[in-house]
Amino acid sequence: MLLETLNPMHYNITSLVPDTMPVATVPILILMCFLFLVWNHEETSSIPGPGYCMGIGPLISHGRFLWMGVGNACNYYNKTYGEFVRVWISGEETFIISK
């Protein structure tokens, strides 16, 4: 009797899942996908620098300035991207120009 209750074939899994998806679910999923694509769309910039990547790029950029200091972070970005770089400091787009 104990083995019968533990046997996964004893239960009908398909009876737990509804046969059809509710009518409102498909438009909601399509709307969510559309909003996600619009939210992640970014215009490509001709200015080099770290990418936006759903807001993670500005957080990393700002964290690097807090952690390394302004001088060392500017040197890092200049070595990585060149003498004209776009970064984010406190959520604002900032340009570093150096030679």
Protein backbone atom coordinates (compact mmCIF):
# COMPACT_ATOMS: atom_id res chain seq x y z
CA MET A 1 0.00 0.00 0.00
CA LEU A 2 2.85 2.38 0.77
CA LEU A 3 4.50 1.63 -2.58
CA GLU A 4 1.27 2.40 -4.43
CA THR A 5 1.05 5.89 -2.93
CA LEU A 6 4.69 6.64 -3.78
CA ASN A 7 4.37 5.43 -7.37
CA PRO A 8 4.28 8.52 -9.66
CA MET A 9 2.21 6.64 -12.23
CA HIS A 10 -0.53 6.35 -9.64
CA TYR A 11 -1.44 10.03 -10.06
CA ASN A 12 -2.82 11.51 -13.27
CA ILE A 13 -0.70 14.63 -13.76
CA THR A 14 -2.66 15.82 -16.78
CA SER A 15 -5.77 16.25 -14.68
CA LEU A 16 -3.95 18.95 -12.70
CA VAL A 17 -3.17 21.08 -15.79
CA PRO A 18 -6.10 22.78 -17.51
CA ASP A 19 -6.74 21.74 -21.10
CA THR A 20 -6.80 25.24 -22.55
CA MET A 21 -5.15 28.46 -21.57
CA PRO A 22 -7.52 31.22 -20.46
CA VAL A 23 -8.39 33.61 -23.27
CA ALA A 24 -6.89 36.66 -21.52
CA THR A 25 -3.50 35.03 -20.94
CA VAL A 26 -2.28 35.15 -24.55
CA PRO A 27 -2.81 38.92 -25.05
CA ILE A 28 -1.24 39.63 -21.66
CA LEU A 29 1.82 37.55 -22.57
CA ILE A 30 2.12 39.31 -25.93
CA LEU A 31 1.84 42.72 -24.23
CA MET A 32 4.47 41.78 -21.66
CA CYS A 33 6.87 40.64 -24.39
CA PHE A 34 6.30 43.86 -26.34
CA LEU A 35 6.91 46.03 -23.24
CA PHE A 36 10.05 44.05 -22.41
CA LEU A 37 11.41 44.62 -25.92
CA VAL A 38 10.61 48.34 -25.78
CA TRP A 39 12.19 48.64 -22.33
CA ASN A 40 15.40 46.93 -23.47
CA HIS A 41 15.68 48.85 -26.72
CA GLU A 42 18.54 51.28 -26.69
CA GLU A 43 19.82 53.54 -29.36
CA THR A 44 23.31 52.69 -30.39
CA SER A 45 25.68 55.46 -29.54
CA SER A 46 28.73 56.34 -31.58
CA ILE A 47 30.51 57.28 -28.33
CA PRO A 48 32.36 54.33 -26.77
CA GLY A 49 31.74 53.27 -23.22
CA PRO A 50 30.07 50.60 -21.13
CA GLY A 51 26.66 49.44 -22.39
CA TYR A 52 23.37 50.24 -20.71
CA CYS A 53 22.17 46.61 -20.41
CA MET A 54 18.83 47.16 -18.60
CA GLY A 55 20.33 49.65 -16.15
CA ILE A 56 23.14 47.41 -14.97
CA GLY A 57 25.80 49.37 -16.89
CA PRO A 58 25.13 52.64 -15.05
CA LEU A 59 25.20 50.83 -11.69
CA ILE A 60 28.55 49.23 -12.46
CA SER A 61 29.95 52.51 -13.81
CA HIS A 62 28.85 54.48 -10.74
CA GLY A 63 30.10 51.74 -8.42
CA ARG A 64 33.52 51.81 -10.11
CA PHE A 65 33.77 55.58 -9.54
CA LEU A 66 32.83 55.16 -5.88
CA TRP A 67 35.19 52.23 -5.36
CA MET A 68 38.25 53.36 -7.34
CA GLY A 69 37.91 57.11 -7.05
CA VAL A 70 37.47 59.55 -9.90
CA GLY A 71 41.09 59.61 -11.09
CA ASN A 72 41.66 55.85 -11.19
CA ALA A 73 38.23 55.16 -12.72
CA CYS A 74 38.85 57.77 -15.44
CA ASN A 75 42.23 56.18 -16.20
CA TYR A 76 40.61 52.74 -16.36
CA TYR A 77 37.90 53.88 -18.79
CA ASN A 78 40.43 55.78 -20.92
CA LYS A 79 42.65 52.70 -21.22
CA THR A 80 39.64 50.50 -22.00
CA TYR A 81 37.62 52.70 -24.40
CA GLY A 82 39.89 55.53 -25.56
CA GLU A 83 40.19 59.23 -24.85
CA PHE A 84 36.48 60.12 -25.27
CA VAL A 85 34.23 57.90 -23.10
CA ARG A 86 30.57 57.89 -22.07
CA VAL A 87 29.89 56.68 -18.48
CA TRP A 88 27.18 57.15 -15.87
CA ILE A 89 27.76 58.93 -12.58
CA SER A 90 24.79 59.16 -10.17
CA GLY A 91 22.48 58.00 -12.97
CA GLU A 92 23.48 60.82 -15.32
CA GLU A 93 25.30 60.28 -18.58
CA THR A 94 28.78 61.79 -18.23
CA PHE A 95 31.50 62.22 -20.83
CA ILE A 96 35.18 61.81 -19.97
CA ILE A 97 37.50 63.64 -22.32
CA SER A 98 41.23 63.20 -21.80
CA LYS A 99 44.40 62.65 -23.69
